[in-house]
């Protein structure tokens, strides 16, 4: 199963914020697919994946970008401290 984010026609920061929300809600093992048609949106989504150290793959089809982000365990989740 995967999560698809349709960010076509949206400008920053909306595609990035939608991607962050999907990463927060998705469990490790899920694939997040972001559809974008602007280079700025593509760049911000890729920077988000890189900052969180998540693997991604970029495809370009005509006037559209598809960014596949593999939702793995985040480094901050591995280091989280239990709350009393």
PDB file of N, CA and C in Angstrom:
ATOM      1  N   UNK A   1       0.844  -1.185   0.000  1.00  0.00           N
ATOM      2  CA  UNK A   1       0.000   0.000   0.000  1.00  0.00           C
ATOM      3  C   UNK A   1       0.883   1.239   0.000  1.00  0.00           C
ATOM      4  N   UNK A   2       0.400   2.291  -0.582  1.00  0.00           N
ATOM      5  CA  UNK A   2       1.159   3.531  -0.635  1.00  0.00           C
ATOM      6  C   UNK A   2       0.247   4.733  -0.397  1.00  0.00           C
ATOM      7  N   UNK A   3       0.870   5.864  -0.168  1.00  0.00           N
ATOM      8  CA  UNK A   3       0.170   7.137   0.006  1.00  0.00           C
ATOM      9  C   UNK A   3       0.525   7.999  -1.192  1.00  0.00           C
ATOM     10  N   UNK A   4      -0.477   8.555  -1.860  1.00  0.00           N
ATOM     11  CA  UNK A   4      -0.241   9.434  -2.996  1.00  0.00           C
ATOM     12  C   UNK A   4      -0.607  10.861  -2.616  1.00  0.00           C
ATOM     13  N   UNK A   5       0.310  11.770  -2.882  1.00  0.00           N
ATOM     14  CA  UNK A   5       0.088  13.193  -2.642  1.00  0.00           C
ATOM     15  C   UNK A   5       0.036  13.873  -4.001  1.00  0.00           C
ATOM     16  N   UNK A   6      -1.082  14.486  -4.316  1.00  0.00           N
ATOM     17  CA  UNK A   6      -1.228  15.206  -5.576  1.00  0.00           C
ATOM     18  C   UNK A   6      -0.949  16.686  -5.314  1.00  0.00           C
ATOM     19  N   UNK A   7       0.275  17.085  -5.597  1.00  0.00           N
ATOM     20  CA  UNK A   7       0.677  18.479  -5.365  1.00  0.00           C
ATOM     21  C   UNK A   7       0.777  19.239  -6.681  1.00  0.00           C
ATOM     22  N   UNK A   8       0.187  18.716  -7.736  1.00  0.00           N
ATOM     23  CA  UNK A   8       0.219  19.400  -9.023  1.00  0.00           C
ATOM     24  C   UNK A   8      -0.568  20.704  -8.928  1.00  0.00           C
ATOM     25  N   UNK A   9       0.048  21.759  -9.449  1.00  0.00           N
ATOM     26  CA  UNK A   9      -0.600  23.067  -9.420  1.00  0.00           C
ATOM     27  C   UNK A   9      -0.380  23.835  -8.131  1.00  0.00           C
ATOM     28  N   UNK A  10       0.276  23.216  -7.160  1.00  0.00           N
ATOM     29  CA  UNK A  10       0.520  23.885  -5.885  1.00  0.00           C
ATOM     30  C   UNK A  10       1.943  24.420  -5.838  1.00  0.00           C
ATOM     31  N   UNK A  11       2.092  25.561  -5.203  1.00  0.00           N
ATOM     32  CA  UNK A  11       3.433  26.122  -5.045  1.00  0.00           C
ATOM     33  C   UNK A  11       3.874  25.953  -3.594  1.00  0.00           C
ATOM     34  N   UNK A  12       5.163  26.168  -3.387  1.00  0.00           N
ATOM     35  CA  UNK A  12       5.732  26.027  -2.050  1.00  0.00           C
ATOM     36  C   UNK A  12       5.102  27.047  -1.113  1.00  0.00           C
ATOM     37  N   UNK A  13       4.896  26.658   0.115  1.00  0.00           N
ATOM     38  CA  UNK A  13       5.404  25.484   0.812  1.00  0.00           C
ATOM     39  C   UNK A  13       4.422  24.316   0.883  1.00  0.00           C
ATOM     40  N   UNK A  14       3.298  24.383   0.177  1.00  0.00           N
ATOM     41  CA  UNK A  14       2.266  23.348   0.311  1.00  0.00           C
ATOM     42  C   UNK A  14       2.753  21.930  -0.025  1.00  0.00           C
ATOM     43  N   UNK A  15       3.438  21.691  -1.149  1.00  0.00           N
ATOM     44  CA  UNK A  15       3.890  20.314  -1.428  1.00  0.00           C
ATOM     45  C   UNK A  15       4.809  19.772  -0.339  1.00  0.00           C
ATOM     46  N   UNK A  16       5.685  20.621   0.170  1.00  0.00           N
ATOM     47  CA  UNK A  16       6.599  20.196   1.233  1.00  0.00           C
ATOM     48  C   UNK A  16       5.818  19.876   2.507  1.00  0.00           C
ATOM     49  N   UNK A  17       4.874  20.731   2.858  1.00  0.00           N
ATOM     50  CA  UNK A  17       4.092  20.504   4.074  1.00  0.00           C
ATOM     51  C   UNK A  17       3.235  19.249   3.954  1.00  0.00           C
ATOM     52  N   UNK A  18       2.658  19.013   2.791  1.00  0.00           N
ATOM     53  CA  UNK A  18       1.864  17.799   2.572  1.00  0.00           C
ATOM     54  C   UNK A  18       2.747  16.556   2.693  1.00  0.00           C
ATOM     55  N   UNK A  19       3.969  16.642   2.195  1.00  0.00           N
ATOM     56  CA  UNK A  19       4.908  15.521   2.293  1.00  0.00           C
ATOM     57  C   UNK A  19       5.295  15.260   3.742  1.00  0.00           C
ATOM     58  N   UNK A  20       5.584  16.313   4.486  1.00  0.00           N
ATOM     59  CA  UNK A  20       5.931  16.161   5.904  1.00  0.00           C
ATOM     60  C   UNK A  20       4.785  15.518   6.667  1.00  0.00           C
ATOM     61  N   UNK A  21       3.563  15.951   6.396  1.00  0.00           N
ATOM     62  CA  UNK A  21       2.397  15.360   7.077  1.00  0.00           C
ATOM     63  C   UNK A  21       2.258  13.882   6.748  1.00  0.00           C
ATOM     64  N   UNK A  22       2.493  13.518   5.485  1.00  0.00           N
ATOM     65  CA  UNK A  22       2.400  12.103   5.095  1.00  0.00           C
ATOM     66  C   UNK A  22       3.483  11.282   5.769  1.00  0.00           C
ATOM     67  N   UNK A  23       4.684  11.822   5.861  1.00  0.00           N
ATOM     68  CA  UNK A  23       5.779  11.109   6.525  1.00  0.00           C
ATOM     69  C   UNK A  23       5.457  10.910   8.002  1.00  0.00           C
ATOM     70  N   UNK A  24       4.878  11.911   8.628  1.00  0.00           N
ATOM     71  CA  UNK A  24       4.515  11.799  10.053  1.00  0.00           C
ATOM     72  C   UNK A  24       3.471  10.728  10.297  1.00  0.00           C
ATOM     73  N   UNK A  25       2.505  10.606   9.405  1.00  0.00           N
ATOM     74  CA  UNK A  25       1.395   9.674   9.641  1.00  0.00           C
ATOM     75  C   UNK A  25       1.671   8.262   9.129  1.00  0.00           C
ATOM     76  N   UNK A  26       2.580   8.138   8.154  1.00  0.00           N
ATOM     77  CA  UNK A  26       2.857   6.822   7.565  1.00  0.00           C
ATOM     78  C   UNK A  26       3.715   5.979   8.499  1.00  0.00           C
ATOM     79  N   UNK A  27       3.449   4.709   8.498  1.00  0.00           N
ATOM     80  CA  UNK A  27       4.267   3.770   9.265  1.00  0.00           C
ATOM     81  C   UNK A  27       5.472   3.356   8.420  1.00  0.00           C
ATOM     82  N   UNK A  28       6.575   2.990   9.069  1.00  0.00           N
ATOM     83  CA  UNK A  28       7.725   2.506   8.308  1.00  0.00           C
ATOM     84  C   UNK A  28       7.321   1.356   7.381  1.00  0.00           C
ATOM     85  N   UNK A  29       7.864   1.377   6.191  1.00  0.00           N
ATOM     86  CA  UNK A  29       7.534   0.371   5.192  1.00  0.00           C
ATOM     87  C   UNK A  29       6.603   0.890   4.112  1.00  0.00           C
ATOM     88  N   UNK A  30       5.936   1.989   4.357  1.00  0.00           N
ATOM     89  CA  UNK A  30       5.028   2.569   3.367  1.00  0.00           C
ATOM     90  C   UNK A  30       5.805   3.336   2.314  1.00  0.00           C
ATOM     91  N   UNK A  31       5.229   3.420   1.138  1.00  0.00           N
ATOM     92  CA  UNK A  31       5.769   4.230   0.058  1.00  0.00           C
ATOM     93  C   UNK A  31       4.902   5.476  -0.072  1.00  0.00           C
ATOM     94  N   UNK A  32       5.545   6.625  -0.189  1.00  0.00           N
ATOM     95  CA  UNK A  32       4.846   7.884  -0.394  1.00  0.00           C
ATOM     96  C   UNK A  32       5.188   8.341  -1.802  1.00  0.00           C
ATOM     97  N   UNK A  33       4.161   8.609  -2.605  1.00  0.00           N
ATOM     98  CA  UNK A  33       4.356   9.059  -3.976  1.00  0.00           C
ATOM     99  C   UNK A  33       3.841  10.486  -4.076  1.00  0.00           C
ATOM    100  N   UNK A  34       4.727  11.396  -4.460  1.00  0.00           N
ATOM    101  CA  UNK A  34       4.359  12.806  -4.600  1.00  0.00           C
ATOM    102  C   UNK A  34       4.325  13.155  -6.076  1.00  0.00           C
ATOM    103  N   UNK A  35       3.197  13.676  -6.529  1.00  0.00           N
ATOM    104  CA  UNK A  35       3.045  14.142  -7.902  1.00  0.00           C
ATOM    105  C   UNK A  35       3.186  15.657  -7.890  1.00  0.00           C
ATOM    106  N   UNK A  36       4.078  16.182  -8.690  1.00  0.00           N
ATOM    107  CA  UNK A  36       4.300  17.627  -8.741  1.00  0.00           C
ATOM    108  C   UNK A  36       4.573  18.042 -10.175  1.00  0.00           C
ATOM    109  N   UNK A  37       4.261  19.290 -10.482  1.00  0.00           N
ATOM    110  CA  UNK A  37       4.516  19.785 -11.834  1.00  0.00           C
ATOM    111  C   UNK A  37       5.380  21.046 -11.838  1.00  0.00           C
ATOM    112  N   UNK A  38       5.901  21.422 -10.688  1.00  0.00           N
ATOM    113  CA  UNK A  38       6.775  22.584 -10.602  1.00  0.00           C
ATOM    114  C   UNK A  38       8.139  22.161 -10.060  1.00  0.00           C
ATOM    115  N   UNK A  39       9.189  22.741 -10.636  1.00  0.00           N
ATOM    116  CA  UNK A  39      10.546  22.398 -10.205  1.00  0.00           C
ATOM    117  C   UNK A  39      10.775  22.790  -8.745  1.00  0.00           C
ATOM    118  N   UNK A  40      10.189  23.898  -8.305  1.00  0.00           N
ATOM    119  CA  UNK A  40      10.348  24.318  -6.911  1.00  0.00           C
ATOM    120  C   UNK A  40       9.740  23.318  -5.947  1.00  0.00           C
ATOM    121  N   UNK A  41       8.580  22.801  -6.290  1.00  0.00           N
ATOM    122  CA  UNK A  41       7.929  21.788  -5.453  1.00  0.00           C
ATOM    123  C   UNK A  41       8.763  20.513  -5.433  1.00  0.00           C
ATOM    124  N   UNK A  42       9.268  20.123  -6.596  1.00  0.00           N
ATOM    125  CA  UNK A  42      10.134  18.939  -6.679  1.00  0.00           C
ATOM    126  C   UNK A  42      11.338  19.091  -5.770  1.00  0.00           C
ATOM    127  N   UNK A  43      11.979  20.243  -5.846  1.00  0.00           N
ATOM    128  CA  UNK A  43      13.168  20.483  -5.036  1.00  0.00           C
ATOM    129  C   UNK A  43      12.897  20.461  -3.554  1.00  0.00           C
ATOM    130  N   UNK A  44      11.798  21.063  -3.126  1.00  0.00           N
ATOM    131  CA  UNK A  44      11.509  21.107  -1.687  1.00  0.00           C
ATOM    132  C   UNK A  44      11.152  19.728  -1.141  1.00  0.00           C
ATOM    133  N   UNK A  45      10.473  18.920  -1.932  1.00  0.00           N
ATOM    134  CA  UNK A  45      10.122  17.560  -1.501  1.00  0.00           C
ATOM    135  C   UNK A  45      11.393  16.709  -1.395  1.00  0.00           C
ATOM    136  N   UNK A  46      12.282  16.834  -2.373  1.00  0.00           N
ATOM    137  CA  UNK A  46      13.537  16.080  -2.334  1.00  0.00           C
ATOM    138  C   UNK A  46      14.402  16.525  -1.158  1.00  0.00           C
ATOM    139  N   UNK A  47      14.469  17.832  -0.892  1.00  0.00           N
ATOM    140  CA  UNK A  47      15.244  18.313   0.258  1.00  0.00           C
ATOM    141  C   UNK A  47      14.681  17.774   1.569  1.00  0.00           C
ATOM    142  N   UNK A  48      13.366  17.648   1.650  1.00  0.00           N
ATOM    143  CA  UNK A  48      12.741  17.087   2.852  1.00  0.00           C
ATOM    144  C   UNK A  48      13.157  15.634   3.034  1.00  0.00           C
ATOM    145  N   UNK A  49      13.098  14.847   1.964  1.00  0.00           N
ATOM    146  CA  UNK A  49      13.500  13.433   2.043  1.00  0.00           C
ATOM    147  C   UNK A  49      14.967  13.314   2.446  1.00  0.00           C
ATOM    148  N   UNK A  50      15.810  14.138   1.858  1.00  0.00           N
ATOM    149  CA  UNK A  50      17.237  14.105   2.200  1.00  0.00           C
ATOM    150  C   UNK A  50      17.478  14.492   3.653  1.00  0.00           C
ATOM    151  N   UNK A  51      16.800  15.540   4.106  1.00  0.00           N
ATOM    152  CA  UNK A  51      16.988  16.004   5.487  1.00  0.00           C
ATOM    153  C   UNK A  51      16.593  14.925   6.489  1.00  0.00           C
ATOM    154  N   UNK A  52      15.580  14.141   6.148  1.00  0.00           N
ATOM    155  CA  UNK A  52      15.129  13.071   7.041  1.00  0.00           C
ATOM    156  C   UNK A  52      15.835  11.747   6.749  1.00  0.00           C
ATOM    157  N   UNK A  53      16.780  11.773   5.832  1.00  0.00           N
ATOM    158  CA  UNK A  53      17.572  10.604   5.449  1.00  0.00           C
ATOM    159  C   UNK A  53      16.699   9.449   4.968  1.00  0.00           C
ATOM    160  N   UNK A  54      15.685   9.795   4.166  1.00  0.00           N
ATOM    161  CA  UNK A  54      14.804   8.791   3.584  1.00  0.00           C
ATOM    162  C   UNK A  54      15.183   8.579   2.121  1.00  0.00           C
ATOM    163  N   UNK A  55      15.260   7.333   1.677  1.00  0.00           N
ATOM    164  CA  UNK A  55      15.576   7.086   0.275  1.00  0.00           C
ATOM    165  C   UNK A  55      14.431   7.543  -0.630  1.00  0.00           C
ATOM    166  N   UNK A  56      14.784   8.082  -1.784  1.00  0.00           N
ATOM    167  CA  UNK A  56      13.775   8.535  -2.722  1.00  0.00           C
ATOM    168  C   UNK A  56      14.234   8.242  -4.152  1.00  0.00           C
ATOM    169  N   UNK A  57      13.277   8.258  -5.050  1.00  0.00           N
ATOM    170  CA  UNK A  57      13.556   8.075  -6.467  1.00  0.00           C
ATOM    171  C   UNK A  57      12.719   9.099  -7.220  1.00  0.00           C
ATOM    172  N   UNK A  58      13.324   9.742  -8.206  1.00  0.00           N
ATOM    173  CA  UNK A  58      12.646  10.775  -8.989  1.00  0.00           C
ATOM    174  C   UNK A  58      12.412  10.275 -10.405  1.00  0.00           C
ATOM    175  N   UNK A  59      11.188  10.452 -10.898  1.00  0.00           N
ATOM    176  CA  UNK A  59      10.851  10.167 -12.292  1.00  0.00           C
ATOM    177  C   UNK A  59      10.244  11.422 -12.896  1.00  0.00           C
ATOM    178  N   UNK A  60      10.578  11.669 -14.150  1.00  0.00           N
ATOM    179  CA  UNK A  60       9.962  12.792 -14.849  1.00  0.00           C
ATOM    180  C   UNK A  60       9.244  12.266 -16.079  1.00  0.00           C
ATOM    181  N   UNK A  61       7.959  12.584 -16.181  1.00  0.00           N
ATOM    182  CA  UNK A  61       7.133  12.185 -17.312  1.00  0.00           C
ATOM    183  C   UNK A  61       6.514  13.448 -17.900  1.00  0.00           C
ATOM    184  N   UNK A  62       6.945  13.818 -19.083  1.00  0.00           N
ATOM    185  CA  UNK A  62       6.438  15.020 -19.763  1.00  0.00           C
ATOM    186  C   UNK A  62       6.582  16.231 -18.836  1.00  0.00           C
ATOM    187  N   UNK A  63       5.472  16.767 -18.364  1.00  0.00           N
ATOM    188  CA  UNK A  63       5.498  17.967 -17.522  1.00  0.00           C
ATOM    189  C   UNK A  63       5.237  17.649 -16.053  1.00  0.00           C
ATOM    190  N   UNK A  64       5.468  16.416 -15.661  1.00  0.00           N
ATOM    191  CA  UNK A  64       5.128  16.013 -14.294  1.00  0.00           C
ATOM    192  C   UNK A  64       6.298  15.260 -13.665  1.00  0.00           C
ATOM    193  N   UNK A  65       6.464  15.483 -12.373  1.00  0.00           N
ATOM    194  CA  UNK A  65       7.468  14.756 -11.593  1.00  0.00           C
ATOM    195  C   UNK A  65       6.751  13.777 -10.677  1.00  0.00           C
ATOM    196  N   UNK A  66       7.328  12.601 -10.515  1.00  0.00           N
ATOM    197  CA  UNK A  66       6.876  11.632  -9.525  1.00  0.00           C
ATOM    198  C   UNK A  66       8.051  11.371  -8.609  1.00  0.00           C
ATOM    199  N   UNK A  67       7.837  11.603  -7.329  1.00  0.00           N
ATOM    200  CA  UNK A  67       8.884  11.375  -6.341  1.00  0.00           C
ATOM    201  C   UNK A  67       8.409  10.251  -5.430  1.00  0.00           C
ATOM    202  N   UNK A  68       9.160   9.167  -5.416  1.00  0.00           N
ATOM    203  CA  UNK A  68       8.851   8.014  -4.579  1.00  0.00           C
ATOM    204  C   UNK A  68       9.734   8.105  -3.336  1.00  0.00           C
ATOM    205  N   UNK A  69       9.099   8.187  -2.182  1.00  0.00           N
ATOM    206  CA  UNK A  69       9.827   8.260  -0.921  1.00  0.00           C
ATOM    207  C   UNK A  69       9.508   7.010  -0.118  1.00  0.00           C
ATOM    208  N   UNK A  70      10.540   6.297   0.272  1.00  0.00           N
ATOM    209  CA  UNK A  70      10.367   5.099   1.089  1.00  0.00           C
ATOM    210  C   UNK A  70      10.361   5.514   2.555  1.00  0.00           C
ATOM    211  N   UNK A  71       9.228   5.304   3.213  1.00  0.00           N
ATOM    212  CA  UNK A  71       9.109   5.696   4.625  1.00  0.00           C
ATOM    213  C   UNK A  71       9.753   4.624   5.474  1.00  0.00           C
ATOM    214  N   UNK A  72      10.944   4.905   5.922  1.00  0.00           N
ATOM    215  CA  UNK A  72      11.666   4.004   6.805  1.00  0.00           C
ATOM    216  C   UNK A  72      11.667   4.603   8.205  1.00  0.00           C
ATOM    217  N   UNK A  73      12.224   3.876   9.133  1.00  0.00           N
ATOM    218  CA  UNK A  73      12.318   4.405  10.482  1.00  0.00           C
ATOM    219  C   UNK A  73      13.229   5.625  10.467  1.00  0.00           C
ATOM    220  N   UNK A  74      12.762   6.711  11.052  1.00  0.00           N
ATOM    221  CA  UNK A  74      13.544   7.944  11.091  1.00  0.00           C
ATOM    222  C   UNK A  74      14.577   7.868  12.198  1.00  0.00           C
ATOM    223  N   UNK A  75      15.705   8.518  11.993  1.00  0.00           N
ATOM    224  CA  UNK A  75      16.771   8.492  12.996  1.00  0.00           C
ATOM    225  C   UNK A  75      16.270   9.013  14.328  1.00  0.00           C
ATOM    226  N   UNK A  76      15.372   9.985  14.301  1.00  0.00           N
ATOM    227  CA  UNK A  76      14.874  10.541  15.563  1.00  0.00           C
ATOM    228  C   UNK A  76      13.934   9.571  16.281  1.00  0.00           C
ATOM    229  N   UNK A  77      13.323   8.654  15.537  1.00  0.00           N
ATOM    230  CA  UNK A  77      12.478   7.640  16.164  1.00  0.00           C
ATOM    231  C   UNK A  77      13.329   6.595  16.871  1.00  0.00           C
ATOM    232  N   UNK A  78      14.504   6.318  16.341  1.00  0.00           N
ATOM    233  CA  UNK A  78      15.396   5.335  16.970  1.00  0.00           C
ATOM    234  C   UNK A  78      15.960   5.870  18.282  1.00  0.00           C
ATOM    235  N   UNK A  79      16.087   7.185  18.386  1.00  0.00           N
ATOM    236  CA  UNK A  79      16.711   7.795  19.556  1.00  0.00           C
ATOM    237  C   UNK A  79      15.701   8.392  20.519  1.00  0.00           C
ATOM    238  N   UNK A  80      14.440   8.160  20.298  1.00  0.00           N
ATOM    239  CA  UNK A  80      13.447   8.775  21.193  1.00  0.00           C
ATOM    240  C   UNK A  80      13.521   8.155  22.584  1.00  0.00           C
ATOM    241  N   UNK A  81      13.381   9.009  23.534  1.00  0.00           N
ATOM    242  CA  UNK A  81      13.433   8.588  24.937  1.00  0.00           C
ATOM    243  C   UNK A  81      12.023   8.295  25.436  1.00  0.00           C
ATOM    244  N   UNK A  82      11.863   7.293  26.280  1.00  0.00           N
ATOM    245  CA  UNK A  82      10.532   7.004  26.827  1.00  0.00           C
ATOM    246  C   UNK A  82      10.076   8.145  27.725  1.00  0.00           C
ATOM    247  N   UNK A  83       8.794   8.405  27.685  1.00  0.00           N
ATOM    248  CA  UNK A  83       8.205   9.453  28.506  1.00  0.00           C
ATOM    249  C   UNK A  83       7.622   8.839  29.759  1.00  0.00           C
ATOM    250  N   UNK A  84       7.953   9.402  30.900  1.00  0.00           N
ATOM    251  CA  UNK A  84       7.431   8.883  32.171  1.00  0.00           C
ATOM    252  C   UNK A  84       6.027   9.345  32.420  1.00  0.00           C
TER     253      UNK A  84
END
